C-alpha atoms as a PDB file:
ATOM      1  CA  MET A   1      38.897-170.075 -23.551  1.00  0.00           C
ATOM      2  CA  LYS A   2      41.438-167.713 -25.148  1.00  0.00           C
ATOM      3  CA  PHE A   3      38.489-164.678 -24.528  1.00  0.00           C
ATOM      4  CA  LEU A   4      37.983-166.037 -20.536  1.00  0.00           C
ATOM      5  CA  LEU A   5      42.456-165.839 -20.226  1.00  0.00           C
ATOM      6  CA  LEU A   6      42.588-162.583 -22.381  1.00  0.00           C
ATOM      7  CA  PHE A   7      40.095-160.829 -20.298  1.00  0.00           C
ATOM      8  CA  LEU A   8      41.603-162.416 -16.887  1.00  0.00           C
ATOM      9  CA  LEU A   9      45.192-161.201 -17.870  1.00  0.00           C
ATOM     10  CA  ALA A  10      43.607-157.683 -18.787  1.00  0.00           C
ATOM     11  CA  TRP A  11      41.688-157.293 -15.217  1.00  0.00           C
ATOM     12  CA  VAL A  12      45.350-158.152 -13.465  1.00  0.00           C
ATOM     13  CA  VAL A  13      47.064-155.663 -15.177  1.00  0.00           C
ATOM     14  CA  TRP A  14      44.112-152.909 -14.899  1.00  0.00           C
ATOM     15  CA  ARG A  15      44.701-153.879 -10.860  1.00  0.00           C
ATOM     16  CA  LEU A  16      48.659-153.849 -10.815  1.00  0.00           C
ATOM     17  CA  LEU A  17      48.496-149.967 -12.683  1.00  0.00           C
ATOM     18  CA  ARG A  18      45.819-148.291 -11.012  1.00  0.00           C
ATOM     19  CA  PRO A  19      46.688-146.179  -8.702  1.00  0.00           C
ATOM     20  CA  PRO A  20      45.505-147.719  -4.518  1.00  0.00           C
ATOM     21  CA  ALA A  21      42.352-146.301  -3.510  1.00  0.00           C
ATOM     22  CA  PRO A  22      42.990-144.103  -0.848  1.00  0.00           C
ATOM     23  CA  ARG A  23      42.838-145.300   2.900  1.00  0.00           C
ATOM     24  CA  ARG A  24      39.685-144.457   4.856  1.00  0.00           C
ATOM     25  CA  GLU A  25      40.993-143.534   8.558  1.00  0.00           C
ATOM     26  CA  MET A  26      38.831-144.714  11.235  1.00  0.00           C
ATOM     27  CA  PRO A  27      37.207-142.125  12.953  1.00  0.00           C
ATOM     28  CA  PRO A  28      38.719-141.521  16.792  1.00  0.00           C
ATOM     29  CA  PRO A  29      36.358-143.361  19.043  1.00  0.00           C
ATOM     30  CA  PRO A  30      34.700-141.416  21.422  1.00  0.00           C
ATOM     31  CA  PRO A  31      35.906-140.535  24.947  1.00  0.00           C
ATOM     32  CA  PRO A  32      35.003-143.308  27.472  1.00  0.00           C
ATOM     33  CA  PHE A  33      31.616-142.351  29.285  1.00  0.00           C
ATOM     34  CA  THR A  34      32.337-140.395  32.565  1.00  0.00           C
ATOM     35  CA  ARG A  35      29.828-139.373  34.939  1.00  0.00           C
ATOM     36  CA  GLU A  36      30.514-135.479  34.772  1.00  0.00           C
ATOM     37  CA  HIS A  37      28.519-132.857  33.907  1.00  0.00           C
ATOM     38  CA  GLY A  38      29.726-129.414  32.641  1.00  0.00           C
ATOM     39  CA  GLY A  39      33.367-129.864  34.000  1.00  0.00           C
ATOM     40  CA  GLU A  40      31.395-131.267  37.780  1.00  0.00           C
ATOM     41  CA  LYS A  41      31.671-134.353  38.634  1.00  0.00           C
ATOM     42  CA  MET A  42      28.881-136.155  39.489  1.00  0.00           C
ATOM     43  CA  LEU A  43      28.347-138.521  42.465  1.00  0.00           C
ATOM     44  CA  CYS A  44      25.947-141.478  43.534  1.00  0.00           C
ATOM     45  CA  CYS A  45      23.991-141.383  46.898  1.00  0.00           C
ATOM     46  CA  ALA A  46      25.100-144.134  48.977  1.00  0.00           C
ATOM     47  CA  HIS A  47      21.647-144.758  50.147  1.00  0.00           C
ATOM     48  CA  CYS A  48      19.502-144.466  47.090  1.00  0.00           C
ATOM     49  CA  GLY A  49      21.420-144.560  44.160  1.00  0.00           C
ATOM     50  CA  VAL A  50      20.744-141.120  42.458  1.00  0.00           C
ATOM     51  CA  TYR A  51      23.846-139.182  40.791  1.00  0.00           C
ATOM     52  CA  ALA A  52      24.003-135.027  41.395  1.00  0.00           C
ATOM     53  CA  PRO A  53      26.512-132.970  41.130  1.00  0.00           C
ATOM     54  CA  GLU A  54      29.220-132.967  43.812  1.00  0.00           C
ATOM     55  CA  ARG A  55      28.565-129.339  44.885  1.00  0.00           C
ATOM     56  CA  GLU A  56      24.828-130.847  46.189  1.00  0.00           C
ATOM     57  CA  MET A  57      25.744-133.856  47.956  1.00  0.00           C
ATOM     58  CA  LEU A  58      26.652-134.224  51.511  1.00  0.00           C
ATOM     59  CA  ARG A  59      29.587-135.976  52.676  1.00  0.00           C
ATOM     60  CA  ALA A  60      29.311-138.325  55.672  1.00  0.00           C
ATOM     61  CA  GLN A  61      32.461-138.531  57.939  1.00  0.00           C
ATOM     62  CA  ASP A  62      33.103-142.282  56.999  1.00  0.00           C
ATOM     63  CA  GLY A  63      33.259-140.850  53.002  1.00  0.00           C
ATOM     64  CA  ARG A  64      30.356-141.413  51.189  1.00  0.00           C
ATOM     65  CA  TYR A  65      27.876-139.106  49.878  1.00  0.00           C
ATOM     66  CA  TYR A  66      24.049-138.759  50.036  1.00  0.00           C
ATOM     67  CA  CYS A  67      22.171-136.583  48.072  1.00  0.00           C
ATOM     68  CA  SER A  68      20.056-135.252  51.189  1.00  0.00           C
ATOM     69  CA  PRO A  69      20.213-135.017  55.029  1.00  0.00           C
ATOM     70  CA  GLU A  70      17.253-137.185  55.077  1.00  0.00           C
ATOM     71  CA  HIS A  71      19.214-139.833  53.381  1.00  0.00           C
ATOM     72  CA  LEU A  72      22.327-138.894  55.624  1.00  0.00           C
ATOM     73  CA  ALA A  73      20.917-139.646  58.707  1.00  0.00           C
ATOM     74  CA  ALA A  74      19.275-142.541  57.296  1.00  0.00           C
ATOM     75  CA  GLY A  75      23.029-144.192  56.242  1.00  0.00           C
ATOM     76  CA  GLU A  76      24.620-142.967  59.363  1.00  0.00           C
ATOM     77  CA  LYS A  77      21.900-144.898  61.523  1.00  0.00           C
ATOM     78  CA  SER A  78      22.289-148.087  59.548  1.00  0.00           C
ATOM     79  CA  GLU A  79      25.591-148.890  60.434  1.00  0.00           C
END
């Protein structure tokens, strides 16, 4: 029993006297997922849902974007 108490006392003293362990810093979280590709904004076709660069999309008068003239025409007909 004395050996166990001596061991416990030595362990407590050792824990108090040793330098604290360096703190591990968490890496910064990744940026939130955005639909940007090469600095260009990606837009979703209002008809089929395909994403394409903004410069390749066709914009309807109501502000919705379409990936092709056919989808633009189909979107305008459905209104």
